[in-house]
Amino acid sequence: MFEFIGKWKDKITDYIDKRVSIVKLDIIERVSQVLSFFTFTIVCFLLVLPILLFLGMGIAEYMAELVGSRGGGYLIIAGIYLLALGVLFACRKMFIRKFTGLFIKEMTDTDEDDTDEDNQ
């Protein structure tokens, strides 16, 4: 009788250890997906920032020729950037919801390969 209980105890302990390992691996996978998403976002931001900077400078120089004043051209572009910032600020709740949805999707997204393996 005690041998039977001992075998079940070993099997239950082994099962719990394997489930804990699976949960740890799942957490590691989720964290790596989120970190990859943030890394990609930061790299995109670092590429877009100089593009916007030089594009703004080029448009400012073009506007400077149109209005006849270098300062005026740069002020016009600064005004456009301020207007864009105002629009972003006014629509911040929508943007926050969108990014929250993206973040939640990244945290909870399961690969189709995982579901295919579970079904077999």
PDB file of N, CA and C in Angstrom:
ATOM      1  N   MET A   1       0.820  -1.203   0.000  1.00  0.00           N
ATOM      2  CA  MET A   1       0.000   0.000   0.000  1.00  0.00           C
ATOM      3  C   MET A   1       0.859   1.260   0.000  1.00  0.00           C
ATOM      4  N   PHE A   2       1.903   1.262   0.877  1.00  0.00           N
ATOM      5  CA  PHE A   2       2.771   2.432   0.952  1.00  0.00           C
ATOM      6  C   PHE A   2       3.593   2.595  -0.314  1.00  0.00           C
ATOM      7  N   GLU A   3       3.893   1.479  -0.961  1.00  0.00           N
ATOM      8  CA  GLU A   3       4.639   1.550  -2.226  1.00  0.00           C
ATOM      9  C   GLU A   3       3.792   2.238  -3.297  1.00  0.00           C
ATOM     10  N   PHE A   4       2.497   1.928  -3.314  1.00  0.00           N
ATOM     11  CA  PHE A   4       1.560   2.553  -4.251  1.00  0.00           C
ATOM     12  C   PHE A   4       1.490   4.065  -4.013  1.00  0.00           C
ATOM     13  N   ILE A   5       1.386   4.477  -2.751  1.00  0.00           N
ATOM     14  CA  ILE A   5       1.326   5.898  -2.398  1.00  0.00           C
ATOM     15  C   ILE A   5       2.642   6.579  -2.743  1.00  0.00           C
ATOM     16  N   GLY A   6       3.746   5.901  -2.516  1.00  0.00           N
ATOM     17  CA  GLY A   6       5.061   6.453  -2.843  1.00  0.00           C
ATOM     18  C   GLY A   6       5.212   6.694  -4.335  1.00  0.00           C
ATOM     19  N   LYS A   7       4.733   5.748  -5.157  1.00  0.00           N
ATOM     20  CA  LYS A   7       4.801   5.919  -6.617  1.00  0.00           C
ATOM     21  C   LYS A   7       3.955   7.108  -7.060  1.00  0.00           C
ATOM     22  N   TRP A   8       2.748   7.227  -6.507  1.00  0.00           N
ATOM     23  CA  TRP A   8       1.879   8.342  -6.878  1.00  0.00           C
ATOM     24  C   TRP A   8       2.465   9.676  -6.423  1.00  0.00           C
ATOM     25  N   LYS A   9       3.071   9.654  -5.234  1.00  0.00           N
ATOM     26  CA  LYS A   9       3.713  10.869  -4.741  1.00  0.00           C
ATOM     27  C   LYS A   9       4.835  11.297  -5.683  1.00  0.00           C
ATOM     28  N   ASP A  10       5.641  10.345  -6.135  1.00  0.00           N
ATOM     29  CA  ASP A  10       6.726  10.654  -7.072  1.00  0.00           C
ATOM     30  C   ASP A  10       6.178  11.172  -8.399  1.00  0.00           C
ATOM     31  N   LYS A  11       5.105  10.534  -8.884  1.00  0.00           N
ATOM     32  CA  LYS A  11       4.510  10.981 -10.147  1.00  0.00           C
ATOM     33  C   LYS A  11       3.914  12.383 -10.020  1.00  0.00           C
ATOM     34  N   ILE A  12       3.249  12.655  -8.925  1.00  0.00           N
ATOM     35  CA  ILE A  12       2.652  13.980  -8.706  1.00  0.00           C
ATOM     36  C   ILE A  12       3.753  15.025  -8.577  1.00  0.00           C
ATOM     37  N   THR A  13       4.800  14.708  -7.852  1.00  0.00           N
ATOM     38  CA  THR A  13       5.921  15.637  -7.703  1.00  0.00           C
ATOM     39  C   THR A  13       6.569  15.908  -9.044  1.00  0.00           C
ATOM     40  N   ASP A  14       6.780  14.846  -9.817  1.00  0.00           N
ATOM     41  CA  ASP A  14       7.364  15.005 -11.156  1.00  0.00           C
ATOM     42  C   ASP A  14       6.465  15.852 -12.059  1.00  0.00           C
ATOM     43  N   TYR A  15       5.149  15.591 -11.985  1.00  0.00           N
ATOM     44  CA  TYR A  15       4.188  16.356 -12.785  1.00  0.00           C
ATOM     45  C   TYR A  15       4.225  17.836 -12.411  1.00  0.00           C
ATOM     46  N   ILE A  16       4.236  18.133 -11.108  1.00  0.00           N
ATOM     47  CA  ILE A  16       4.264  19.525 -10.654  1.00  0.00           C
ATOM     48  C   ILE A  16       5.558  20.200 -11.098  1.00  0.00           C
ATOM     49  N   ASP A  17       6.689  19.508 -10.985  1.00  0.00           N
ATOM     50  CA  ASP A  17       7.971  20.073 -11.440  1.00  0.00           C
ATOM     51  C   ASP A  17       7.936  20.402 -12.931  1.00  0.00           C
ATOM     52  N   LYS A  18       7.350  19.508 -13.716  1.00  0.00           N
ATOM     53  CA  LYS A  18       7.270  19.756 -15.165  1.00  0.00           C
ATOM     54  C   LYS A  18       6.328  20.909 -15.476  1.00  0.00           C
ATOM     55  N   ARG A  19       5.227  21.011 -14.771  1.00  0.00           N
ATOM     56  CA  ARG A  19       4.298  22.133 -14.992  1.00  0.00           C
ATOM     57  C   ARG A  19       4.939  23.463 -14.612  1.00  0.00           C
ATOM     58  N   VAL A  20       5.700  23.481 -13.523  1.00  0.00           N
ATOM     59  CA  VAL A  20       6.403  24.692 -13.105  1.00  0.00           C
ATOM     60  C   VAL A  20       7.426  25.073 -14.167  1.00  0.00           C
ATOM     61  N   SER A  21       8.129  24.083 -14.709  1.00  0.00           N
ATOM     62  CA  SER A  21       9.106  24.363 -15.769  1.00  0.00           C
ATOM     63  C   SER A  21       8.422  24.932 -17.006  1.00  0.00           C
ATOM     64  N   ILE A  22       7.262  24.390 -17.348  1.00  0.00           N
ATOM     65  CA  ILE A  22       6.521  24.888 -18.511  1.00  0.00           C
ATOM     66  C   ILE A  22       6.069  26.323 -18.278  1.00  0.00           C
ATOM     67  N   VAL A  23       5.586  26.631 -17.088  1.00  0.00           N
ATOM     68  CA  VAL A  23       5.158  27.996 -16.769  1.00  0.00           C
ATOM     69  C   VAL A  23       6.346  28.945 -16.832  1.00  0.00           C
ATOM     70  N   LYS A  24       7.499  28.533 -16.306  1.00  0.00           N
ATOM     71  CA  LYS A  24       8.698  29.370 -16.367  1.00  0.00           C
ATOM     72  C   LYS A  24       9.089  29.642 -17.816  1.00  0.00           C
ATOM     73  N   LEU A  25       9.075  28.603 -18.638  1.00  0.00           N
ATOM     74  CA  LEU A  25       9.422  28.790 -20.048  1.00  0.00           C
ATOM     75  C   LEU A  25       8.422  29.686 -20.757  1.00  0.00           C
ATOM     76  N   ASP A  26       7.156  29.566 -20.404  1.00  0.00           N
ATOM     77  CA  ASP A  26       6.132  30.423 -20.999  1.00  0.00           C
ATOM     78  C   ASP A  26       6.358  31.880 -20.608  1.00  0.00           C
ATOM     79  N   ILE A  27       6.699  32.117 -19.354  1.00  0.00           N
ATOM     80  CA  ILE A  27       6.982  33.487 -18.897  1.00  0.00           C
ATOM     81  C   ILE A  27       8.202  34.035 -19.623  1.00  0.00           C
ATOM     82  N   ILE A  28       9.233  33.215 -19.752  1.00  0.00           N
ATOM     83  CA  ILE A  28      10.437  33.648 -20.464  1.00  0.00           C
ATOM     84  C   ILE A  28      10.106  33.996 -21.905  1.00  0.00           C
ATOM     85  N   GLU A  29       9.267  33.196 -22.546  1.00  0.00           N
ATOM     86  CA  GLU A  29       8.879  33.467 -23.931  1.00  0.00           C
ATOM     87  C   GLU A  29       8.112  34.774 -24.039  1.00  0.00           C
ATOM     88  N   ARG A  30       7.167  35.001 -23.136  1.00  0.00           N
ATOM     89  CA  ARG A  30       6.381  36.240 -23.168  1.00  0.00           C
ATOM     90  C   ARG A  30       7.255  37.469 -22.943  1.00  0.00           C
ATOM     91  N   VAL A  31       8.145  37.383 -21.967  1.00  0.00           N
ATOM     92  CA  VAL A  31       9.025  38.514 -21.675  1.00  0.00           C
ATOM     93  C   VAL A  31       9.943  38.785 -22.868  1.00  0.00           C
ATOM     94  N   SER A  32      10.448  37.734 -23.498  1.00  0.00           N
ATOM     95  CA  SER A  32      11.312  37.950 -24.654  1.00  0.00           C
ATOM     96  C   SER A  32      10.542  38.543 -25.827  1.00  0.00           C
ATOM     97  N   GLN A  33       9.286  38.156 -25.989  1.00  0.00           N
ATOM     98  CA  GLN A  33       8.474  38.752 -27.050  1.00  0.00           C
ATOM     99  C   GLN A  33       8.251  40.239 -26.791  1.00  0.00           C
ATOM    100  N   VAL A  34       7.949  40.592 -25.557  1.00  0.00           N
ATOM    101  CA  VAL A  34       7.725  42.001 -25.215  1.00  0.00           C
ATOM    102  C   VAL A  34       9.010  42.800 -25.386  1.00  0.00           C
ATOM    103  N   LEU A  35      10.126  42.253 -24.922  1.00  0.00           N
ATOM    104  CA  LEU A  35      11.401  42.950 -25.083  1.00  0.00           C
ATOM    105  C   LEU A  35      11.770  43.103 -26.555  1.00  0.00           C
ATOM    106  N   SER A  36      11.487  42.093 -27.356  1.00  0.00           N
ATOM    107  CA  SER A  36      11.730  42.203 -28.791  1.00  0.00           C
ATOM    108  C   SER A  36      10.859  43.286 -29.415  1.00  0.00           C
ATOM    109  N   PHE A  37       9.603  43.351 -29.003  1.00  0.00           N
ATOM    110  CA  PHE A  37       8.695  44.378 -29.499  1.00  0.00           C
ATOM    111  C   PHE A  37       9.199  45.774 -29.138  1.00  0.00           C
ATOM    112  N   PHE A  38       9.637  45.950 -27.875  1.00  0.00           N
ATOM    113  CA  PHE A  38      10.156  47.247 -27.452  1.00  0.00           C
ATOM    114  C   PHE A  38      11.459  47.586 -28.159  1.00  0.00           C
ATOM    115  N   THR A  39      12.310  46.598 -28.358  1.00  0.00           N
ATOM    116  CA  THR A  39      13.565  46.836 -29.077  1.00  0.00           C
ATOM    117  C   THR A  39      13.283  47.276 -30.504  1.00  0.00           C
ATOM    118  N   PHE A  40      12.353  46.604 -31.164  1.00  0.00           N
ATOM    119  CA  PHE A  40      11.972  46.984 -32.524  1.00  0.00           C
ATOM    120  C   PHE A  40      11.406  48.402 -32.548  1.00  0.00           C
ATOM    121  N   THR A  41      10.576  48.729 -31.570  1.00  0.00           N
ATOM    122  CA  THR A  41       9.989  50.059 -31.499  1.00  0.00           C
ATOM    123  C   THR A  41      11.060  51.128 -31.293  1.00  0.00           C
ATOM    124  N   ILE A  42      12.014  50.858 -30.433  1.00  0.00           N
ATOM    125  CA  ILE A  42      13.084  51.820 -30.179  1.00  0.00           C
ATOM    126  C   ILE A  42      13.948  52.010 -31.422  1.00  0.00           C
ATOM    127  N   VAL A  43      14.271  50.918 -32.115  1.00  0.00           N
ATOM    128  CA  VAL A  43      15.068  51.027 -33.346  1.00  0.00           C
ATOM    129  C   VAL A  43      14.312  51.841 -34.393  1.00  0.00           C
ATOM    130  N   CYS A  44      13.019  51.581 -34.549  1.00  0.00           N
ATOM    131  CA  CYS A  44      12.215  52.370 -35.496  1.00  0.00           C
ATOM    132  C   CYS A  44      12.206  53.839 -35.102  1.00  0.00           C
ATOM    133  N   PHE A  45      12.043  54.121 -33.815  1.00  0.00           N
ATOM    134  CA  PHE A  45      12.044  55.498 -33.337  1.00  0.00           C
ATOM    135  C   PHE A  45      13.377  56.169 -33.637  1.00  0.00           C
ATOM    136  N   LEU A  46      14.468  55.449 -33.409  1.00  0.00           N
ATOM    137  CA  LEU A  46      15.788  56.020 -33.661  1.00  0.00           C
ATOM    138  C   LEU A  46      16.048  56.247 -35.152  1.00  0.00           C
ATOM    139  N   LEU A  47      15.364  55.521 -36.006  1.00  0.00           N
ATOM    140  CA  LEU A  47      15.483  55.744 -37.451  1.00  0.00           C
ATOM    141  C   LEU A  47      14.554  56.857 -37.927  1.00  0.00           C
ATOM    142  N   VAL A  48      13.379  56.947 -37.339  1.00  0.00           N
ATOM    143  CA  VAL A  48      12.401  57.956 -37.761  1.00  0.00           C
ATOM    144  C   VAL A  48      12.795  59.353 -37.271  1.00  0.00           C
ATOM    145  N   LEU A  49      13.383  59.426 -36.091  1.00  0.00           N
ATOM    146  CA  LEU A  49      13.743  60.724 -35.519  1.00  0.00           C
ATOM    147  C   LEU A  49      14.673  61.537 -36.431  1.00  0.00           C
ATOM    148  N   PRO A  50      15.802  60.987 -36.916  1.00  0.00           N
ATOM    149  CA  PRO A  50      16.641  61.805 -37.804  1.00  0.00           C
ATOM    150  C   PRO A  50      15.972  62.095 -39.148  1.00  0.00           C
ATOM    151  N   ILE A  51      15.139  61.179 -39.601  1.00  0.00           N
ATOM    152  CA  ILE A  51      14.426  61.421 -40.859  1.00  0.00           C
ATOM    153  C   ILE A  51      13.523  62.644 -40.700  1.00  0.00           C
ATOM    154  N   LEU A  52      12.760  62.680 -39.605  1.00  0.00           N
ATOM    155  CA  LEU A  52      11.895  63.838 -39.358  1.00  0.00           C
ATOM    156  C   LEU A  52      12.706  65.110 -39.154  1.00  0.00           C
ATOM    157  N   LEU A  53      13.843  64.993 -38.484  1.00  0.00           N
ATOM    158  CA  LEU A  53      14.687  66.153 -38.244  1.00  0.00           C
ATOM    159  C   LEU A  53      15.186  66.744 -39.559  1.00  0.00           C
ATOM    160  N   PHE A  54      15.767  65.907 -40.407  1.00  0.00           N
ATOM    161  CA  PHE A  54      16.309  66.415 -41.668  1.00  0.00           C
ATOM    162  C   PHE A  54      15.211  66.809 -42.653  1.00  0.00           C
ATOM    163  N   LEU A  55      14.105  66.099 -42.627  1.00  0.00           N
ATOM    164  CA  LEU A  55      12.980  66.485 -43.465  1.00  0.00           C
ATOM    165  C   LEU A  55      12.457  67.850 -43.035  1.00  0.00           C
ATOM    166  N   GLY A  56      12.344  68.065 -41.725  1.00  0.00           N
ATOM    167  CA  GLY A  56      11.907  69.365 -41.216  1.00  0.00           C
ATOM    168  C   GLY A  56      12.876  70.472 -41.590  1.00  0.00           C
ATOM    169  N   MET A  57      14.169  70.195 -41.514  1.00  0.00           N
ATOM    170  CA  MET A  57      15.163  71.203 -41.890  1.00  0.00           C
ATOM    171  C   MET A  57      15.075  71.527 -43.380  1.00  0.00           C
ATOM    172  N   GLY A  58      14.881  70.480 -44.198  1.00  0.00           N
ATOM    173  CA  GLY A  58      14.755  70.715 -45.637  1.00  0.00           C
ATOM    174  C   GLY A  58      13.522  71.524 -45.982  1.00  0.00           C
ATOM    175  N   ILE A  59      12.406  71.187 -45.367  1.00  0.00           N
ATOM    176  CA  ILE A  59      11.172  71.935 -45.617  1.00  0.00           C
ATOM    177  C   ILE A  59      11.306  73.358 -45.087  1.00  0.00           C
ATOM    178  N   ALA A  60      12.001  73.514 -43.945  1.00  0.00           N
ATOM    179  CA  ALA A  60      12.210  74.846 -43.385  1.00  0.00           C
ATOM    180  C   ALA A  60      13.040  75.707 -44.330  1.00  0.00           C
ATOM    181  N   GLU A  61      14.057  75.135 -44.933  1.00  0.00           N
ATOM    182  CA  GLU A  61      14.866  75.881 -45.906  1.00  0.00           C
ATOM    183  C   GLU A  61      14.027  76.260 -47.129  1.00  0.00           C
ATOM    184  N   TYR A  62      13.184  75.339 -47.568  1.00  0.00           N
ATOM    185  CA  TYR A  62      12.299  75.627 -48.703  1.00  0.00           C
ATOM    186  C   TYR A  62      11.325  76.754 -48.339  1.00  0.00           C
ATOM    187  N   MET A  63      10.755  76.675 -47.131  1.00  0.00           N
ATOM    188  CA  MET A  63       9.842  77.731 -46.688  1.00  0.00           C
ATOM    189  C   MET A  63      10.575  79.056 -46.538  1.00  0.00           C
ATOM    190  N   ALA A  64      11.839  78.990 -46.118  1.00  0.00           N
ATOM    191  CA  ALA A  64      12.635  80.202 -45.977  1.00  0.00           C
ATOM    192  C   ALA A  64      12.776  80.912 -47.319  1.00  0.00           C
ATOM    193  N   GLU A  65      12.957  80.139 -48.389  1.00  0.00           N
ATOM    194  CA  GLU A  65      13.038  80.742 -49.717  1.00  0.00           C
ATOM    195  C   GLU A  65      11.700  81.345 -50.119  1.00  0.00           C
ATOM    196  N   LEU A  66      10.609  80.673 -49.760  1.00  0.00           N
ATOM    197  CA  LEU A  66       9.284  81.179 -50.132  1.00  0.00           C
ATOM    198  C   LEU A  66       8.933  82.465 -49.398  1.00  0.00           C
ATOM    199  N   VAL A  67       9.223  82.528 -48.105  1.00  0.00           N
ATOM    200  CA  VAL A  67       8.838  83.706 -47.333  1.00  0.00           C
ATOM    201  C   VAL A  67       9.936  84.760 -47.285  1.00  0.00           C
ATOM    202  N   GLY A  68      11.126  84.415 -47.748  1.00  0.00           N
ATOM    203  CA  GLY A  68      12.218  85.379 -47.788  1.00  0.00           C
ATOM    204  C   GLY A  68      12.934  85.575 -46.466  1.00  0.00           C
ATOM    205  N   SER A  69      12.690  84.704 -45.501  1.00  0.00           N
ATOM    206  CA  SER A  69      13.334  84.834 -44.200  1.00  0.00           C
ATOM    207  C   SER A  69      13.642  83.432 -43.667  1.00  0.00           C
ATOM    208  N   ARG A  70      14.906  83.196 -43.362  1.00  0.00           N
ATOM    209  CA  ARG A  70      15.294  81.883 -42.850  1.00  0.00           C
ATOM    210  C   ARG A  70      14.591  81.606 -41.519  1.00  0.00           C
ATOM    211  N   GLY A  71      14.572  82.574 -40.649  1.00  0.00           N
ATOM    212  CA  GLY A  71      13.884  82.415 -39.364  1.00  0.00           C
ATOM    213  C   GLY A  71      12.403  82.141 -39.542  1.00  0.00           C
ATOM    214  N   GLY A  72      11.800  82.810 -40.502  1.00  0.00           N
ATOM    215  CA  GLY A  72      10.373  82.598 -40.772  1.00  0.00           C
ATOM    216  C   GLY A  72      10.083  81.182 -41.229  1.00  0.00           C
ATOM    217  N   GLY A  73      10.950  80.635 -42.083  1.00  0.00           N
ATOM    218  CA  GLY A  73      10.770  79.262 -42.556  1.00  0.00           C
ATOM    219  C   GLY A  73      10.841  78.258 -41.417  1.00  0.00           C
ATOM    220  N   TYR A  74      11.833  78.467 -40.532  1.00  0.00           N
ATOM    221  CA  TYR A  74      11.971  77.553 -39.404  1.00  0.00           C
ATOM    222  C   TYR A  74      10.815  77.721 -38.417  1.00  0.00           C
ATOM    223  N   LEU A  75      10.323  78.934 -38.249  1.00  0.00           N
ATOM    224  CA  LEU A  75       9.187  79.135 -37.360  1.00  0.00           C
ATOM    225  C   LEU A  75       7.921  78.488 -37.915  1.00  0.00           C
ATOM    226  N   ILE A  76       7.758  78.532 -39.228  1.00  0.00           N
ATOM    227  CA  ILE A  76       6.589  77.871 -39.837  1.00  0.00           C
ATOM    228  C   ILE A  76       6.636  76.373 -39.559  1.00  0.00           C
ATOM    229  N   ILE A  77       7.814  75.754 -39.740  1.00  0.00           N
ATOM    230  CA  ILE A  77       7.947  74.318 -39.494  1.00  0.00           C
ATOM    231  C   ILE A  77       7.769  74.011 -38.007  1.00  0.00           C
ATOM    232  N   ALA A  78       8.295  74.867 -37.138  1.00  0.00           N
ATOM    233  CA  ALA A  78       8.086  74.680 -35.703  1.00  0.00           C
ATOM    234  C   ALA A  78       6.596  74.747 -35.377  1.00  0.00           C
ATOM    235  N   GLY A  79       5.877  75.642 -36.037  1.00  0.00           N
ATOM    236  CA  GLY A  79       4.428  75.731 -35.847  1.00  0.00           C
ATOM    237  C   GLY A  79       3.717  74.469 -36.309  1.00  0.00           C
ATOM    238  N   ILE A  80       4.164  73.918 -37.433  1.00  0.00           N
ATOM    239  CA  ILE A  80       3.571  72.666 -37.928  1.00  0.00           C
ATOM    240  C   ILE A  80       3.820  71.538 -36.929  1.00  0.00           C
ATOM    241  N   TYR A  81       5.055  71.468 -36.395  1.00  0.00           N
ATOM    242  CA  TYR A  81       5.356  70.451 -35.390  1.00  0.00           C
ATOM    243  C   TYR A  81       4.519  70.665 -34.131  1.00  0.00           C
ATOM    244  N   LEU A  82       4.339  71.903 -33.715  1.00  0.00           N
ATOM    245  CA  LEU A  82       3.500  72.182 -32.545  1.00  0.00           C
ATOM    246  C   LEU A  82       2.043  71.797 -32.804  1.00  0.00           C
ATOM    247  N   LEU A  83       1.576  72.047 -34.003  1.00  0.00           N
ATOM    248  CA  LEU A  83       0.216  71.650 -34.373  1.00  0.00           C
ATOM    249  C   LEU A  83       0.072  70.125 -34.324  1.00  0.00           C
ATOM    250  N   ALA A  84       1.059  69.412 -34.852  1.00  0.00           N
ATOM    251  CA  ALA A  84       1.026  67.946 -34.805  1.00  0.00           C
ATOM    252  C   ALA A  84       1.055  67.448 -33.362  1.00  0.00           C
ATOM    253  N   LEU A  85       1.860  68.101 -32.519  1.00  0.00           N
ATOM    254  CA  LEU A  85       1.914  67.737 -31.103  1.00  0.00           C
ATOM    255  C   LEU A  85       0.566  68.000 -30.433  1.00  0.00           C
ATOM    256  N   GLY A  86      -0.081  69.095 -30.792  1.00  0.00           N
ATOM    257  CA  GLY A  86      -1.401  69.391 -30.245  1.00  0.00           C
ATOM    258  C   GLY A  86      -2.432  68.355 -30.644  1.00  0.00           C
ATOM    259  N   VAL A  87      -2.384  67.917 -31.894  1.00  0.00           N
ATOM    260  CA  VAL A  87      -3.304  66.866 -32.358  1.00  0.00           C
ATOM    261  C   VAL A  87      -3.040  65.569 -31.593  1.00  0.00           C
ATOM    262  N   LEU A  88      -1.762  65.217 -31.431  1.00  0.00           N
ATOM    263  CA  LEU A  88      -1.435  64.014 -30.658  1.00  0.00           C
ATOM    264  C   LEU A  88      -1.924  64.135 -29.218  1.00  0.00           C
ATOM    265  N   PHE A  89      -1.734  65.301 -28.630  1.00  0.00           N
ATOM    266  CA  PHE A  89      -2.174  65.506 -27.249  1.00  0.00           C
ATOM    267  C   PHE A  89      -3.698  65.423 -27.149  1.00  0.00           C
ATOM    268  N   ALA A  90      -4.398  65.986 -28.120  1.00  0.00           N
ATOM    269  CA  ALA A  90      -5.864  65.955 -28.107  1.00  0.00           C
ATOM    270  C   ALA A  90      -6.401  64.530 -28.293  1.00  0.00           C
ATOM    271  N   CYS A  91      -5.683  63.724 -29.059  1.00  0.00           N
ATOM    272  CA  CYS A  91      -6.119  62.345 -29.336  1.00  0.00           C
ATOM    273  C   CYS A  91      -5.362  61.333 -28.492  1.00  0.00           C
ATOM    274  N   ARG A  92      -4.799  61.762 -27.368  1.00  0.00           N
ATOM    275  CA  ARG A  92      -3.936  60.886 -26.580  1.00  0.00           C
ATOM    276  C   ARG A  92      -4.665  59.651 -26.063  1.00  0.00           C
ATOM    277  N   LYS A  93      -5.937  59.781 -25.697  1.00  0.00           N
ATOM    278  CA  LYS A  93      -6.666  58.622 -25.173  1.00  0.00           C
ATOM    279  C   LYS A  93      -6.805  57.538 -26.232  1.00  0.00           C
ATOM    280  N   MET A  94      -7.054  57.949 -27.468  1.00  0.00           N
ATOM    281  CA  MET A  94      -7.161  56.985 -28.556  1.00  0.00           C
ATOM    282  C   MET A  94      -5.811  56.284 -28.775  1.00  0.00           C
ATOM    283  N   PHE A  95      -4.728  57.071 -28.778  1.00  0.00           N
ATOM    284  CA  PHE A  95      -3.404  56.487 -28.976  1.00  0.00           C
ATOM    285  C   PHE A  95      -3.032  55.571 -27.821  1.00  0.00           C
ATOM    286  N   ILE A  96      -3.373  55.972 -26.609  1.00  0.00           N
ATOM    287  CA  ILE A  96      -3.063  55.137 -25.443  1.00  0.00           C
ATOM    288  C   ILE A  96      -3.816  53.819 -25.544  1.00  0.00           C
ATOM    289  N   ARG A  97      -5.083  53.872 -25.947  1.00  0.00           N
ATOM    290  CA  ARG A  97      -5.860  52.632 -26.105  1.00  0.00           C
ATOM    291  C   ARG A  97      -5.264  51.739 -27.178  1.00  0.00           C
ATOM    292  N   LYS A  98      -4.828  52.350 -28.292  1.00  0.00           N
ATOM    293  CA  LYS A  98      -4.231  51.561 -29.379  1.00  0.00           C
ATOM    294  C   LYS A  98      -2.957  50.868 -28.897  1.00  0.00           C
ATOM    295  N   PHE A  99      -2.078  51.628 -28.229  1.00  0.00           N
ATOM    296  CA  PHE A  99      -0.829  51.045 -27.763  1.00  0.00           C
ATOM    297  C   PHE A  99      -1.054  50.053 -26.632  1.00  0.00           C
ATOM    298  N   THR A 100      -2.063  50.300 -25.808  1.00  0.00           N
ATOM    299  CA  THR A 100      -2.401  49.332 -24.766  1.00  0.00           C
ATOM    300  C   THR A 100      -2.869  48.034 -25.406  1.00  0.00           C
ATOM    301  N   GLY A 101      -3.683  48.155 -26.448  1.00  0.00           N
ATOM    302  CA  GLY A 101      -4.135  46.965 -27.169  1.00  0.00           C
ATOM    303  C   GLY A 101      -2.975  46.211 -27.803  1.00  0.00           C
ATOM    304  N   LEU A 102      -2.031  46.946 -28.386  1.00  0.00           N
ATOM    305  CA  LEU A 102      -0.854  46.300 -28.967  1.00  0.00           C
ATOM    306  C   LEU A 102      -0.039  45.578 -27.902  1.00  0.00           C
ATOM    307  N   PHE A 103       0.137  46.243 -26.764  1.00  0.00           N
ATOM    308  CA  PHE A 103       0.908  45.650 -25.676  1.00  0.00           C
ATOM    309  C   PHE A 103       0.231  44.385 -25.159  1.00  0.00           C
ATOM    310  N   ILE A 104      -1.076  44.453 -24.964  1.00  0.00           N
ATOM    311  CA  ILE A 104      -1.809  43.285 -24.481  1.00  0.00           C
ATOM    312  C   ILE A 104      -1.743  42.166 -25.509  1.00  0.00           C
ATOM    313  N   LYS A 105      -1.853  42.515 -26.776  1.00  0.00           N
ATOM    314  CA  LYS A 105      -1.766  41.497 -27.823  1.00  0.00           C
ATOM    315  C   LYS A 105      -0.404  40.821 -27.809  1.00  0.00           C
ATOM    316  N   GLU A 106       0.659  41.606 -27.645  1.00  0.00           N
ATOM    317  CA  GLU A 106       1.998  41.029 -27.587  1.00  0.00           C
ATOM    318  C   GLU A 106       2.149  40.117 -26.373  1.00  0.00           C
ATOM    319  N   MET A 107       1.529  40.492 -25.273  1.00  0.00           N
ATOM    320  CA  MET A 107       1.649  39.694 -24.048  1.00  0.00           C
ATOM    321  C   MET A 107       0.824  38.416 -24.107  1.00  0.00           C
ATOM    322  N   THR A 108      -0.298  38.436 -24.830  1.00  0.00           N
ATOM    323  CA  THR A 108      -1.202  37.290 -24.811  1.00  0.00           C
ATOM    324  C   THR A 108      -1.252  36.526 -26.118  1.00  0.00           C
ATOM    325  N   ASP A 109      -0.562  36.989 -27.134  1.00  0.00           N
ATOM    326  CA  ASP A 109      -0.612  36.342 -28.447  1.00  0.00           C
ATOM    327  C   ASP A 109       0.032  34.969 -28.368  1.00  0.00           C
ATOM    328  N   THR A 110      -0.700  33.967 -28.830  1.00  0.00           N
ATOM    329  CA  THR A 110      -0.146  32.617 -28.880  1.00  0.00           C
ATOM    330  C   THR A 110       0.137  32.290 -30.334  1.00  0.00           C
ATOM    331  N   ASP A 111       1.235  31.593 -30.535  1.00  0.00           N
ATOM    332  CA  ASP A 111       1.588  31.189 -31.891  1.00  0.00           C
ATOM    333  C   ASP A 111       0.657  30.087 -32.351  1.00  0.00           C
ATOM    334  N   GLU A 112       0.397  30.052 -33.656  1.00  0.00           N
ATOM    335  CA  GLU A 112      -0.456  29.001 -34.201  1.00  0.00           C
ATOM    336  C   GLU A 112       0.230  27.650 -34.083  1.00  0.00           C
ATOM    337  N   ASP A 113       1.561  27.636 -34.094  1.00  0.00           N
ATOM    338  CA  ASP A 113       2.301  26.385 -33.948  1.00  0.00           C
ATOM    339  C   ASP A 113       2.008  25.747 -32.594  1.00  0.00           C
ATOM    340  N   ASP A 114       1.899  26.577 -31.544  1.00  0.00           N
ATOM    341  CA  ASP A 114       1.611  26.055 -30.213  1.00  0.00           C
ATOM    342  C   ASP A 114       0.232  25.390 -30.166  1.00  0.00           C
ATOM    343  N   THR A 115      -0.754  26.019 -30.789  1.00  0.00           N
ATOM    344  CA  THR A 115      -2.095  25.452 -30.756  1.00  0.00           C
ATOM    345  C   THR A 115      -2.175  24.200 -31.607  1.00  0.00           C
ATOM    346  N   ASP A 116      -1.406  24.133 -32.711  1.00  0.00           N
ATOM    347  CA  ASP A 116      -1.393  22.941 -33.546  1.00  0.00           C
ATOM    348  C   ASP A 116      -0.795  21.759 -32.784  1.00  0.00           C
ATOM    349  N   GLU A 117       0.269  22.006 -32.006  1.00  0.00           N
ATOM    350  CA  GLU A 117       0.900  20.939 -31.242  1.00  0.00           C
ATOM    351  C   GLU A 117      -0.024  20.450 -30.144  1.00  0.00           C
ATOM    352  N   ASP A 118      -0.794  21.346 -29.548  1.00  0.00           N
ATOM    353  CA  ASP A 118      -1.705  20.961 -28.475  1.00  0.00           C
ATOM    354  C   ASP A 118      -2.832  20.084 -29.007  1.00  0.00           C
ATOM    355  N   ASN A 119      -3.259  20.321 -30.241  1.00  0.00           N
ATOM    356  CA  ASN A 119      -4.375  19.577 -30.818  1.00  0.00           C
ATOM    357  C   ASN A 119      -3.978  18.175 -31.242  1.00  0.00           C
ATOM    358  N   GLN A 120      -2.694  17.922 -31.427  1.00  0.00           N
ATOM    359  CA  GLN A 120      -2.268  16.605 -31.922  1.00  0.00           C
ATOM    360  C   GLN A 120      -2.097  15.602 -30.829  1.00  0.00           C
TER     361      GLN A 120
END
